[in-house]
Amino acid sequence: MLGVINGVMTVLALTTFVGIVWWAWSAHRAEANRQAAMLPFALPEEYQNDKNTGESNE
């Protein structure tokens, strides 16, 4: 009986994983993925304002 439960849980976990991968790589997520990929390069708003005016807080 324990083997059947392990098998069902494995299939359920694999199905969940495949569903998440399918959702993450689907076409309607392309723009959100592109924006998320650019987040490490985004500057804080106050830093952008300082650079635009040529002023510095230092």
N, C-alpha and C. Protein backbone atom coordinates (compact mmCIF):
# COMPACT_ATOMS: atom_id res chain seq x y z
N MET A 1 0.82 -1.21 0.00
CA MET A 1 0.00 0.00 0.00
C MET A 1 0.86 1.26 0.00
N LEU A 2 1.97 1.21 0.74
CA LEU A 2 2.85 2.38 0.81
C LEU A 2 3.47 2.68 -0.55
N GLY A 3 3.74 1.65 -1.34
CA GLY A 3 4.29 1.85 -2.68
C GLY A 3 3.32 2.58 -3.59
N VAL A 4 2.03 2.28 -3.46
CA VAL A 4 1.01 2.95 -4.27
C VAL A 4 0.93 4.43 -3.90
N ILE A 5 0.97 4.71 -2.62
CA ILE A 5 0.91 6.10 -2.15
C ILE A 5 2.14 6.87 -2.66
N ASN A 6 3.32 6.24 -2.56
CA ASN A 6 4.54 6.89 -3.06
C ASN A 6 4.43 7.14 -4.56
N GLY A 7 3.88 6.21 -5.30
CA GLY A 7 3.72 6.38 -6.74
C GLY A 7 2.77 7.51 -7.08
N VAL A 8 1.66 7.58 -6.38
CA VAL A 8 0.67 8.64 -6.62
C VAL A 8 1.27 10.00 -6.27
N MET A 9 1.98 10.09 -5.17
CA MET A 9 2.59 11.36 -4.79
C MET A 9 3.67 11.78 -5.79
N THR A 10 4.42 10.82 -6.32
CA THR A 10 5.43 11.14 -7.31
C THR A 10 4.80 11.67 -8.59
N VAL A 11 3.73 11.04 -9.03
CA VAL A 11 3.03 11.50 -10.23
C VAL A 11 2.42 12.88 -9.99
N LEU A 12 1.85 13.10 -8.83
CA LEU A 12 1.29 14.40 -8.49
C LEU A 12 2.36 15.49 -8.47
N ALA A 13 3.52 15.20 -7.87
CA ALA A 13 4.61 16.17 -7.82
C ALA A 13 5.15 16.46 -9.22
N LEU A 14 5.30 15.43 -10.04
CA LEU A 14 5.79 15.63 -11.40
C LEU A 14 4.80 16.44 -12.23
N THR A 15 3.52 16.16 -12.08
CA THR A 15 2.48 16.92 -12.79
C THR A 15 2.50 18.38 -12.37
N THR A 16 2.65 18.64 -11.09
CA THR A 16 2.72 20.01 -10.59
C THR A 16 3.94 20.73 -11.15
N PHE A 17 5.08 20.06 -11.15
CA PHE A 17 6.30 20.66 -11.68
C PHE A 17 6.15 20.99 -13.16
N VAL A 18 5.64 20.05 -13.94
CA VAL A 18 5.46 20.29 -15.38
C VAL A 18 4.47 21.44 -15.60
N GLY A 19 3.42 21.53 -14.79
CA GLY A 19 2.46 22.62 -14.91
C GLY A 19 3.09 23.98 -14.62
N ILE A 20 3.94 24.05 -13.63
CA ILE A 20 4.60 25.31 -13.30
C ILE A 20 5.56 25.71 -14.41
N VAL A 21 6.31 24.75 -14.94
CA VAL A 21 7.23 25.05 -16.04
C VAL A 21 6.46 25.51 -17.27
N TRP A 22 5.37 24.84 -17.57
CA TRP A 22 4.54 25.22 -18.73
C TRP A 22 4.00 26.64 -18.55
N TRP A 23 3.53 26.97 -17.34
CA TRP A 23 2.99 28.30 -17.06
C TRP A 23 4.09 29.36 -17.18
N ALA A 24 5.27 29.08 -16.63
CA ALA A 24 6.34 30.07 -16.62
C ALA A 24 6.87 30.35 -18.02
N TRP A 25 6.87 29.37 -18.90
CA TRP A 25 7.40 29.54 -20.24
C TRP A 25 6.33 29.80 -21.29
N SER A 26 5.08 29.97 -20.88
CA SER A 26 4.01 30.19 -21.85
C SER A 26 4.14 31.57 -22.48
N ALA A 27 3.52 31.72 -23.63
CA ALA A 27 3.65 32.96 -24.41
C ALA A 27 3.06 34.16 -23.69
N HIS A 28 1.98 33.99 -22.93
CA HIS A 28 1.37 35.15 -22.28
C HIS A 28 2.20 35.66 -21.10
N ARG A 29 3.25 34.93 -20.68
CA ARG A 29 4.14 35.38 -19.61
C ARG A 29 5.41 36.04 -20.16
N ALA A 30 5.56 36.13 -21.48
CA ALA A 30 6.81 36.61 -22.07
C ALA A 30 7.15 38.02 -21.61
N GLU A 31 6.20 38.93 -21.62
CA GLU A 31 6.47 40.32 -21.21
C GLU A 31 6.82 40.40 -19.72
N ALA A 32 6.12 39.67 -18.88
CA ALA A 32 6.42 39.68 -17.45
C ALA A 32 7.81 39.10 -17.20
N ASN A 33 8.19 38.06 -17.93
CA ASN A 33 9.52 37.48 -17.79
C ASN A 33 10.59 38.46 -18.24
N ARG A 34 10.33 39.20 -19.31
CA ARG A 34 11.29 40.19 -19.80
C ARG A 34 11.48 41.30 -18.77
N GLN A 35 10.39 41.77 -18.18
CA GLN A 35 10.49 42.81 -17.16
C GLN A 35 11.23 42.31 -15.92
N ALA A 36 10.95 41.09 -15.51
CA ALA A 36 11.62 40.53 -14.34
C ALA A 36 13.11 40.34 -14.59
N ALA A 37 13.47 40.03 -15.82
CA ALA A 37 14.88 39.86 -16.16
C ALA A 37 15.64 41.18 -16.08
N MET A 38 14.96 42.29 -16.27
CA MET A 38 15.62 43.60 -16.24
C MET A 38 15.67 44.22 -14.85
N LEU A 39 14.99 43.64 -13.86
CA LEU A 39 14.95 44.21 -12.52
C LEU A 39 16.33 44.41 -11.88
N PRO A 40 17.29 43.52 -12.04
CA PRO A 40 18.60 43.77 -11.41
C PRO A 40 19.30 45.02 -11.96
N PHE A 41 18.92 45.46 -13.13
CA PHE A 41 19.56 46.61 -13.75
C PHE A 41 18.80 47.91 -13.53
N ALA A 42 17.66 47.85 -12.88
CA ALA A 42 16.84 49.03 -12.65
C ALA A 42 17.48 49.90 -11.57
N LEU A 43 17.48 51.20 -11.82
CA LEU A 43 18.03 52.14 -10.85
C LEU A 43 16.90 52.67 -9.98
N PRO A 44 17.16 52.93 -8.72
CA PRO A 44 16.14 53.55 -7.88
C PRO A 44 15.77 54.92 -8.42
N GLU A 45 14.54 55.33 -8.18
CA GLU A 45 14.05 56.60 -8.72
C GLU A 45 14.89 57.78 -8.25
N GLU A 46 15.29 57.82 -6.97
CA GLU A 46 16.06 58.95 -6.47
C GLU A 46 17.45 59.01 -7.11
N TYR A 47 18.01 57.87 -7.48
CA TYR A 47 19.31 57.87 -8.16
C TYR A 47 19.17 58.42 -9.58
N GLN A 48 18.09 58.07 -10.25
CA GLN A 48 17.86 58.58 -11.59
C GLN A 48 17.65 60.09 -11.56
N ASN A 49 16.93 60.60 -10.56
CA ASN A 49 16.71 62.04 -10.44
C ASN A 49 18.03 62.78 -10.23
N ASP A 50 18.92 62.22 -9.39
CA ASP A 50 20.21 62.85 -9.14
C ASP A 50 21.04 62.89 -10.43
N LYS A 51 21.02 61.84 -11.19
CA LYS A 51 21.82 61.79 -12.41
C LYS A 51 21.25 62.76 -13.47
N ASN A 52 19.94 62.93 -13.48
CA ASN A 52 19.33 63.83 -14.47
C ASN A 52 19.65 65.29 -14.17
N THR A 53 19.72 65.66 -12.91
CA THR A 53 19.97 67.05 -12.54
C THR A 53 21.44 67.35 -12.38
N GLY A 54 22.27 66.33 -12.33
CA GLY A 54 23.70 66.54 -12.14
C GLY A 54 24.09 66.77 -10.71
N GLU A 55 23.16 66.66 -9.77
CA GLU A 55 23.45 66.86 -8.35
C GLU A 55 23.85 65.54 -7.72
N SER A 56 24.51 65.63 -6.59
CA SER A 56 24.93 64.44 -5.87
C SER A 56 24.70 64.68 -4.38
N ASN A 57 24.42 63.63 -3.64
CA ASN A 57 24.23 63.74 -2.20
C ASN A 57 25.54 63.57 -1.45
N GLU A 58 26.61 63.34 -2.18
CA GLU A 58 27.89 63.10 -1.50
C GLU A 58 28.66 64.36 -1.29
